[in-house]
PDB file of all heavy atoms in Angstrom:
ATOM      1  N   TYR A   1      95.732  61.502 122.411  1.00  0.00           N
ATOM      2  CA  TYR A   1      94.383  61.902 122.950  1.00  0.00           C
ATOM      3  C   TYR A   1      93.463  60.715 122.879  1.00  0.00           C
ATOM      4  O   TYR A   1      93.376  60.015 121.831  1.00  0.00           O
ATOM      5  CB  TYR A   1      93.922  63.061 122.370  1.00  0.00           C
ATOM      6  CG  TYR A   1      92.458  63.332 122.653  1.00  0.00           C
ATOM      7  CD1 TYR A   1      92.095  64.143 123.810  1.00  0.00           C
ATOM      8  CD2 TYR A   1      91.404  62.985 121.859  1.00  0.00           C
ATOM      9  CE1 TYR A   1      90.842  64.508 124.075  1.00  0.00           C
ATOM     10  CE2 TYR A   1      90.036  63.324 122.139  1.00  0.00           C
ATOM     11  CZ  TYR A   1      89.772  64.106 123.188  1.00  0.00           C
ATOM     12  OH  TYR A   1      88.562  64.430 123.578  1.00  0.00           O
ATOM     13  N   SER A   2      92.703  60.349 123.971  1.00  0.00           N
ATOM     14  CA  SER A   2      91.911  59.253 124.051  1.00  0.00           C
ATOM     15  C   SER A   2      90.427  59.545 123.509  1.00  0.00           C
ATOM     16  O   SER A   2      89.702  60.352 124.273  1.00  0.00           O
ATOM     17  CB  SER A   2      91.829  58.699 125.424  1.00  0.00           C
ATOM     18  OG  SER A   2      93.060  58.296 125.887  1.00  0.00           O
ATOM     19  N   GLU A   3      90.067  59.343 122.357  1.00  0.00           N
ATOM     20  CA  GLU A   3      88.684  59.605 121.937  1.00  0.00           C
ATOM     21  C   GLU A   3      87.583  58.999 122.691  1.00  0.00           C
ATOM     22  O   GLU A   3      86.624  59.689 122.948  1.00  0.00           O
ATOM     23  CB  GLU A   3      88.616  59.192 120.380  1.00  0.00           C
ATOM     24  CG  GLU A   3      89.628  59.863 119.459  1.00  0.00           C
ATOM     25  CD  GLU A   3      89.338  61.323 119.079  1.00  0.00           C
ATOM     26  OE1 GLU A   3      88.164  61.689 119.427  1.00  0.00           O
ATOM     27  OE2 GLU A   3      90.144  61.939 118.461  1.00  0.00           O
ATOM     28  N   ILE A   4      87.748  57.713 123.044  1.00  0.00           N
ATOM     29  CA  ILE A   4      86.805  56.917 123.819  1.00  0.00           C
ATOM     30  C   ILE A   4      87.426  56.681 125.166  1.00  0.00           C
ATOM     31  O   ILE A   4      88.604  56.141 125.317  1.00  0.00           O
ATOM     32  CB  ILE A   4      86.340  55.669 123.062  1.00  0.00           C
ATOM     33  CG1 ILE A   4      85.802  56.036 121.844  1.00  0.00           C
ATOM     34  CG2 ILE A   4      85.353  54.931 123.955  1.00  0.00           C
ATOM     35  CD1 ILE A   4      84.519  56.808 121.747  1.00  0.00           C
ATOM     36  N   ILE A   5      86.775  56.888 126.248  1.00  0.00           N
ATOM     37  CA  ILE A   5      87.288  56.702 127.617  1.00  0.00           C
ATOM     38  C   ILE A   5      86.205  55.892 128.414  1.00  0.00           C
ATOM     39  O   ILE A   5      85.086  55.920 128.122  1.00  0.00           O
ATOM     40  CB  ILE A   5      87.714  57.952 128.269  1.00  0.00           C
ATOM     41  CG1 ILE A   5      86.525  59.043 128.442  1.00  0.00           C
ATOM     42  CG2 ILE A   5      88.807  58.618 127.584  1.00  0.00           C
ATOM     43  CD1 ILE A   5      85.674  58.921 129.724  1.00  0.00           C
ATOM     44  N   THR A   6      86.635  55.243 129.527  1.00  0.00           N
ATOM     45  CA  THR A   6      85.848  54.733 130.548  1.00  0.00           C
ATOM     46  C   THR A   6      85.889  55.717 131.688  1.00  0.00           C
ATOM     47  O   THR A   6      86.942  55.689 132.392  1.00  0.00           O
ATOM     48  CB  THR A   6      86.127  53.262 130.916  1.00  0.00           C
ATOM     49  OG1 THR A   6      86.057  52.530 129.698  1.00  0.00           O
ATOM     50  CG2 THR A   6      85.213  52.736 131.931  1.00  0.00           C
ATOM     51  N   PRO A   7      84.777  56.447 132.048  1.00  0.00           N
ATOM     52  CA  PRO A   7      84.926  57.328 133.167  1.00  0.00           C
ATOM     53  C   PRO A   7      84.839  56.551 134.461  1.00  0.00           C
ATOM     54  O   PRO A   7      84.654  55.384 134.578  1.00  0.00           O
ATOM     55  CB  PRO A   7      83.665  58.221 133.028  1.00  0.00           C
ATOM     56  CG  PRO A   7      82.747  57.284 132.257  1.00  0.00           C
ATOM     57  CD  PRO A   7      83.502  56.472 131.338  1.00  0.00           C
ATOM     58  N   PHE A   8      85.061  57.383 135.540  1.00  0.00           N
ATOM     59  CA  PHE A   8      84.920  56.789 136.900  1.00  0.00           C
ATOM     60  C   PHE A   8      83.451  57.220 137.461  1.00  0.00           C
ATOM     61  O   PHE A   8      82.834  58.104 136.968  1.00  0.00           O
ATOM     62  CB  PHE A   8      85.917  57.320 137.877  1.00  0.00           C
ATOM     63  CG  PHE A   8      85.928  58.709 138.122  1.00  0.00           C
ATOM     64  CD1 PHE A   8      85.158  59.299 139.122  1.00  0.00           C
ATOM     65  CD2 PHE A   8      86.780  59.611 137.449  1.00  0.00           C
ATOM     66  CE1 PHE A   8      85.150  60.645 139.249  1.00  0.00           C
ATOM     67  CE2 PHE A   8      86.824  60.867 137.627  1.00  0.00           C
ATOM     68  CZ  PHE A   8      86.084  61.437 138.617  1.00  0.00           C
ATOM     69  N   VAL A   9      83.106  56.382 138.437  1.00  0.00           N
ATOM     70  CA  VAL A   9      81.758  56.712 139.125  1.00  0.00           C
ATOM     71  C   VAL A   9      82.125  56.760 140.614  1.00  0.00           C
ATOM     72  O   VAL A   9      83.042  55.934 141.149  1.00  0.00           O
ATOM     73  CB  VAL A   9      80.832  55.531 138.948  1.00  0.00           C
ATOM     74  CG1 VAL A   9      79.581  55.844 139.769  1.00  0.00           C
ATOM     75  CG2 VAL A   9      80.472  55.385 137.469  1.00  0.00           C
ATOM     76  N   THR A  10      81.543  57.783 141.318  1.00  0.00           N
ATOM     77  CA  THR A  10      81.915  57.882 142.636  1.00  0.00           C
ATOM     78  C   THR A  10      80.698  57.551 143.477  1.00  0.00           C
ATOM     79  O   THR A  10      79.523  57.998 143.269  1.00  0.00           O
ATOM     80  CB  THR A  10      82.173  59.412 143.007  1.00  0.00           C
ATOM     81  OG1 THR A  10      83.331  59.841 142.132  1.00  0.00           O
ATOM     82  CG2 THR A  10      82.562  59.675 144.413  1.00  0.00           C
ATOM     83  N   ASP A  11      80.856  56.574 144.492  1.00  0.00           N
ATOM     84  CA  ASP A  11      79.762  56.100 145.354  1.00  0.00           C
ATOM     85  C   ASP A  11      80.196  56.099 146.799  1.00  0.00           C
ATOM     86  O   ASP A  11      81.438  55.894 147.133  1.00  0.00           O
ATOM     87  CB  ASP A  11      79.398  54.709 144.928  1.00  0.00           C
ATOM     88  CG  ASP A  11      78.683  54.574 143.574  1.00  0.00           C
ATOM     89  OD1 ASP A  11      77.904  55.515 143.385  1.00  0.00           O
ATOM     90  OD2 ASP A  11      78.925  53.644 142.863  1.00  0.00           O
ATOM     91  N   THR A  12      79.304  56.236 147.701  1.00  0.00           N
ATOM     92  CA  THR A  12      79.477  56.054 149.163  1.00  0.00           C
ATOM     93  C   THR A  12      79.043  54.640 149.404  1.00  0.00           C
ATOM     94  O   THR A  12      77.817  54.393 149.033  1.00  0.00           O
ATOM     95  CB  THR A  12      78.738  57.104 149.941  1.00  0.00           C
ATOM     96  OG1 THR A  12      79.282  58.438 149.715  1.00  0.00           O
ATOM     97  CG2 THR A  12      78.979  56.658 151.462  1.00  0.00           C
ATOM     98  N   VAL A  13      79.858  53.714 149.795  1.00  0.00           N
ATOM     99  CA  VAL A  13      79.563  52.365 150.113  1.00  0.00           C
ATOM    100  C   VAL A  13      79.522  52.040 151.575  1.00  0.00           C
ATOM    101  O   VAL A  13      80.390  52.576 152.346  1.00  0.00           O
ATOM    102  CB  VAL A  13      80.478  51.473 149.316  1.00  0.00           C
ATOM    103  CG1 VAL A  13      80.354  51.819 147.839  1.00  0.00           C
ATOM    104  CG2 VAL A  13      81.839  51.707 149.670  1.00  0.00           C
ATOM    105  N   GLN A  14      78.694  51.170 151.964  1.00  0.00           N
ATOM    106  CA  GLN A  14      78.723  50.598 153.350  1.00  0.00           C
ATOM    107  C   GLN A  14      79.721  49.393 153.398  1.00  0.00           C
ATOM    108  O   GLN A  14      79.710  48.572 152.452  1.00  0.00           O
ATOM    109  CB  GLN A  14      77.265  50.100 153.797  1.00  0.00           C
ATOM    110  CG  GLN A  14      76.262  51.225 153.765  1.00  0.00           C
ATOM    111  CD  GLN A  14      76.702  52.384 154.518  1.00  0.00           C
ATOM    112  OE1 GLN A  14      76.967  52.231 155.762  1.00  0.00           O
ATOM    113  NE2 GLN A  14      76.568  53.634 153.927  1.00  0.00           N
ATOM    114  N   LEU A  15      80.503  49.394 154.348  1.00  0.00           N
ATOM    115  CA  LEU A  15      81.658  48.430 154.414  1.00  0.00           C
ATOM    116  C   LEU A  15      81.235  47.086 155.164  1.00  0.00           C
ATOM    117  O   LEU A  15      80.832  47.227 156.471  1.00  0.00           O
ATOM    118  CB  LEU A  15      82.855  49.082 155.118  1.00  0.00           C
ATOM    119  CG  LEU A  15      83.499  50.243 154.344  1.00  0.00           C
ATOM    120  CD1 LEU A  15      84.673  50.809 155.129  1.00  0.00           C
ATOM    121  CD2 LEU A  15      83.865  49.850 152.979  1.00  0.00           C
ATOM    122  N   PRO A  16      81.484  45.995 154.547  1.00  0.00           N
ATOM    123  CA  PRO A  16      81.314  44.796 155.364  1.00  0.00           C
ATOM    124  C   PRO A  16      82.412  44.572 156.244  1.00  0.00           C
ATOM    125  O   PRO A  16      83.349  45.206 156.303  1.00  0.00           O
ATOM    126  CB  PRO A  16      81.229  43.673 154.199  1.00  0.00           C
ATOM    127  CG  PRO A  16      82.107  44.323 153.214  1.00  0.00           C
ATOM    128  CD  PRO A  16      81.824  45.800 153.154  1.00  0.00           C
ATOM    129  N   ASP A  17      82.296  43.541 157.078  1.00  0.00           N
ATOM    130  CA  ASP A  17      83.383  43.292 158.034  1.00  0.00           C
ATOM    131  C   ASP A  17      84.598  42.463 157.565  1.00  0.00           C
ATOM    132  O   ASP A  17      85.597  42.518 157.985  1.00  0.00           O
ATOM    133  CB  ASP A  17      82.848  42.382 159.238  1.00  0.00           C
ATOM    134  CG  ASP A  17      81.828  43.168 160.087  1.00  0.00           C
ATOM    135  OD1 ASP A  17      81.962  44.407 160.159  1.00  0.00           O
ATOM    136  OD2 ASP A  17      80.933  42.493 160.626  1.00  0.00           O
ATOM    137  N   ASP A  18      84.356  41.918 156.323  1.00  0.00           N
ATOM    138  CA  ASP A  18      85.405  41.062 155.704  1.00  0.00           C
ATOM    139  C   ASP A  18      85.829  41.599 154.344  1.00  0.00           C
ATOM    140  O   ASP A  18      86.882  42.176 154.199  1.00  0.00           O
ATOM    141  CB  ASP A  18      84.974  39.643 155.728  1.00  0.00           C
ATOM    142  CG  ASP A  18      83.555  39.402 155.314  1.00  0.00           C
ATOM    143  OD1 ASP A  18      82.900  40.356 154.673  1.00  0.00           O
ATOM    144  OD2 ASP A  18      83.056  38.266 155.318  1.00  0.00           O
ATOM    145  N   VAL A  19      85.044  41.252 153.377  1.00  0.00           N
ATOM    146  CA  VAL A  19      85.364  41.436 151.979  1.00  0.00           C
ATOM    147  C   VAL A  19      84.403  42.322 151.226  1.00  0.00           C
ATOM    148  O   VAL A  19      83.228  42.126 151.276  1.00  0.00           O
ATOM    149  CB  VAL A  19      85.457  40.078 151.273  1.00  0.00           C
ATOM    150  CG1 VAL A  19      85.812  40.106 149.803  1.00  0.00           C
ATOM    151  CG2 VAL A  19      86.606  39.218 151.935  1.00  0.00           C
ATOM    152  N   LEU A  20      84.970  43.209 150.521  1.00  0.00           N
ATOM    153  CA  LEU A  20      84.170  44.155 149.600  1.00  0.00           C
ATOM    154  C   LEU A  20      84.508  43.734 148.134  1.00  0.00           C
ATOM    155  O   LEU A  20      85.686  43.753 147.712  1.00  0.00           O
ATOM    156  CB  LEU A  20      84.459  45.665 149.794  1.00  0.00           C
ATOM    157  CG  LEU A  20      83.809  46.565 148.848  1.00  0.00           C
ATOM    158  CD1 LEU A  20      82.234  46.652 149.166  1.00  0.00           C
ATOM    159  CD2 LEU A  20      84.442  48.033 149.033  1.00  0.00           C
ATOM    160  N   SER A  21      83.471  43.542 147.290  1.00  0.00           N
ATOM    161  CA  SER A  21      83.685  43.121 145.954  1.00  0.00           C
ATOM    162  C   SER A  21      83.529  44.517 145.104  1.00  0.00           C
ATOM    163  O   SER A  21      82.570  45.154 145.311  1.00  0.00           O
ATOM    164  CB  SER A  21      82.556  42.152 145.524  1.00  0.00           C
ATOM    165  OG  SER A  21      82.839  40.983 146.200  1.00  0.00           O
ATOM    166  N   VAL A  22      84.518  44.589 144.106  1.00  0.00           N
ATOM    167  CA  VAL A  22      84.441  45.711 143.218  1.00  0.00           C
ATOM    168  C   VAL A  22      84.651  45.267 141.797  1.00  0.00           C
ATOM    169  O   VAL A  22      85.553  44.392 141.527  1.00  0.00           O
ATOM    170  CB  VAL A  22      85.668  46.732 143.590  1.00  0.00           C
ATOM    171  CG1 VAL A  22      85.679  47.890 142.465  1.00  0.00           C
ATOM    172  CG2 VAL A  22      85.414  47.197 145.029  1.00  0.00           C
ATOM    173  N   GLU A  23      83.766  45.687 140.833  1.00  0.00           N
ATOM    174  CA  GLU A  23      83.948  45.347 139.500  1.00  0.00           C
ATOM    175  C   GLU A  23      84.999  46.181 138.693  1.00  0.00           C
ATOM    176  O   GLU A  23      84.742  47.386 138.829  1.00  0.00           O
ATOM    177  CB  GLU A  23      82.522  45.362 138.794  1.00  0.00           C
ATOM    178  CG  GLU A  23      81.520  44.367 139.461  1.00  0.00           C
ATOM    179  CD  GLU A  23      81.780  43.038 139.138  1.00  0.00           C
ATOM    180  OE1 GLU A  23      82.421  42.549 138.224  1.00  0.00           O
ATOM    181  OE2 GLU A  23      81.546  42.159 140.165  1.00  0.00           O
ATOM    182  N   LEU A  24      85.870  45.588 138.067  1.00  0.00           N
ATOM    183  CA  LEU A  24      86.784  46.240 137.368  1.00  0.00           C
ATOM    184  C   LEU A  24      86.637  46.025 135.804  1.00  0.00           C
ATOM    185  O   LEU A  24      86.586  44.849 135.366  1.00  0.00           O
ATOM    186  CB  LEU A  24      88.292  45.831 137.811  1.00  0.00           C
ATOM    187  CG  LEU A  24      88.666  45.956 139.152  1.00  0.00           C
ATOM    188  CD1 LEU A  24      90.034  45.282 139.491  1.00  0.00           C
ATOM    189  CD2 LEU A  24      88.631  47.339 139.652  1.00  0.00           C
ATOM    190  N   GLU A  25      86.696  47.075 135.033  1.00  0.00           N
ATOM    191  CA  GLU A  25      86.617  46.986 133.667  1.00  0.00           C
ATOM    192  C   GLU A  25      87.979  46.590 133.127  1.00  0.00           C
ATOM    193  O   GLU A  25      88.882  46.625 133.840  1.00  0.00           O
ATOM    194  CB  GLU A  25      86.145  48.240 133.003  1.00  0.00           C
ATOM    195  CG  GLU A  25      84.714  48.622 133.371  1.00  0.00           C
ATOM    196  CD  GLU A  25      83.613  47.629 132.956  1.00  0.00           C
ATOM    197  OE1 GLU A  25      83.857  47.135 131.774  1.00  0.00           O
ATOM    198  OE2 GLU A  25      82.809  47.206 133.709  1.00  0.00           O
ATOM    199  N   LYS A  26      88.046  46.198 131.800  1.00  0.00           N
ATOM    200  CA  LYS A  26      89.290  45.864 131.223  1.00  0.00           C
ATOM    201  C   LYS A  26      90.373  47.039 131.402  1.00  0.00           C
ATOM    202  O   LYS A  26      89.964  48.222 131.033  1.00  0.00           O
ATOM    203  CB  LYS A  26      89.224  45.567 129.730  1.00  0.00           C
ATOM    204  CG  LYS A  26      90.350  45.230 128.971  1.00  0.00           C
ATOM    205  CD  LYS A  26      90.033  44.906 127.488  1.00  0.00           C
ATOM    206  CE  LYS A  26      91.520  44.536 126.836  1.00  0.00           C
ATOM    207  NZ  LYS A  26      91.164  44.274 125.348  1.00  0.00           N
ATOM    208  N   ASN A  27      91.447  46.714 131.977  1.00  0.00           N
ATOM    209  CA  ASN A  27      92.496  47.771 132.161  1.00  0.00           C
ATOM    210  C   ASN A  27      92.051  48.855 133.013  1.00  0.00           C
ATOM    211  O   ASN A  27      92.448  49.929 133.041  1.00  0.00           O
ATOM    212  CB  ASN A  27      93.024  48.391 130.863  1.00  0.00           C
ATOM    213  CG  ASN A  27      93.650  47.272 130.063  1.00  0.00           C
ATOM    214  OD1 ASN A  27      94.151  46.307 130.409  1.00  0.00           O
ATOM    215  ND2 ASN A  27      93.434  47.480 128.631  1.00  0.00           N
ATOM    216  N   GLY A  28      91.124  48.556 133.942  1.00  0.00           N
ATOM    217  CA  GLY A  28      90.522  49.509 134.791  1.00  0.00           C
ATOM    218  C   GLY A  28      91.159  49.572 136.194  1.00  0.00           C
ATOM    219  O   GLY A  28      92.298  49.234 136.373  1.00  0.00           O
ATOM    220  N   GLY A  29      90.371  50.127 137.058  1.00  0.00           N
ATOM    221  CA  GLY A  29      90.932  50.387 138.419  1.00  0.00           C
ATOM    222  C   GLY A  29      89.811  50.837 139.381  1.00  0.00           C
ATOM    223  O   GLY A  29      88.693  51.039 139.095  1.00  0.00           O
ATOM    224  N   ALA A  30      90.340  51.170 140.630  1.00  0.00           N
ATOM    225  CA  ALA A  30      89.440  51.634 141.670  1.00  0.00           C
ATOM    226  C   ALA A  30      90.315  52.256 142.806  1.00  0.00           C
ATOM    227  O   ALA A  30      91.454  51.928 142.963  1.00  0.00           O
ATOM    228  CB  ALA A  30      88.537  50.653 142.189  1.00  0.00           C
ATOM    229  N   VAL A  31      89.696  53.237 143.497  1.00  0.00           N
ATOM    230  CA  VAL A  31      90.164  53.851 144.683  1.00  0.00           C
ATOM    231  C   VAL A  31      89.087  53.736 145.786  1.00  0.00           C
ATOM    232  O   VAL A  31      87.971  54.223 145.572  1.00  0.00           O
ATOM    233  CB  VAL A  31      90.739  55.190 144.473  1.00  0.00           C
ATOM    234  CG1 VAL A  31      91.215  55.775 145.918  1.00  0.00           C
ATOM    235  CG2 VAL A  31      91.815  55.197 143.476  1.00  0.00           C
TER     236      VAL A  31
END
């Protein structure tokens, strides 16, 4: 059981035409 966790945040983002930058925490992820 994980006593301490890093939760997720849900955002609606506007998409650029080329590249979107996303910050990832240590051992993190994104969808």
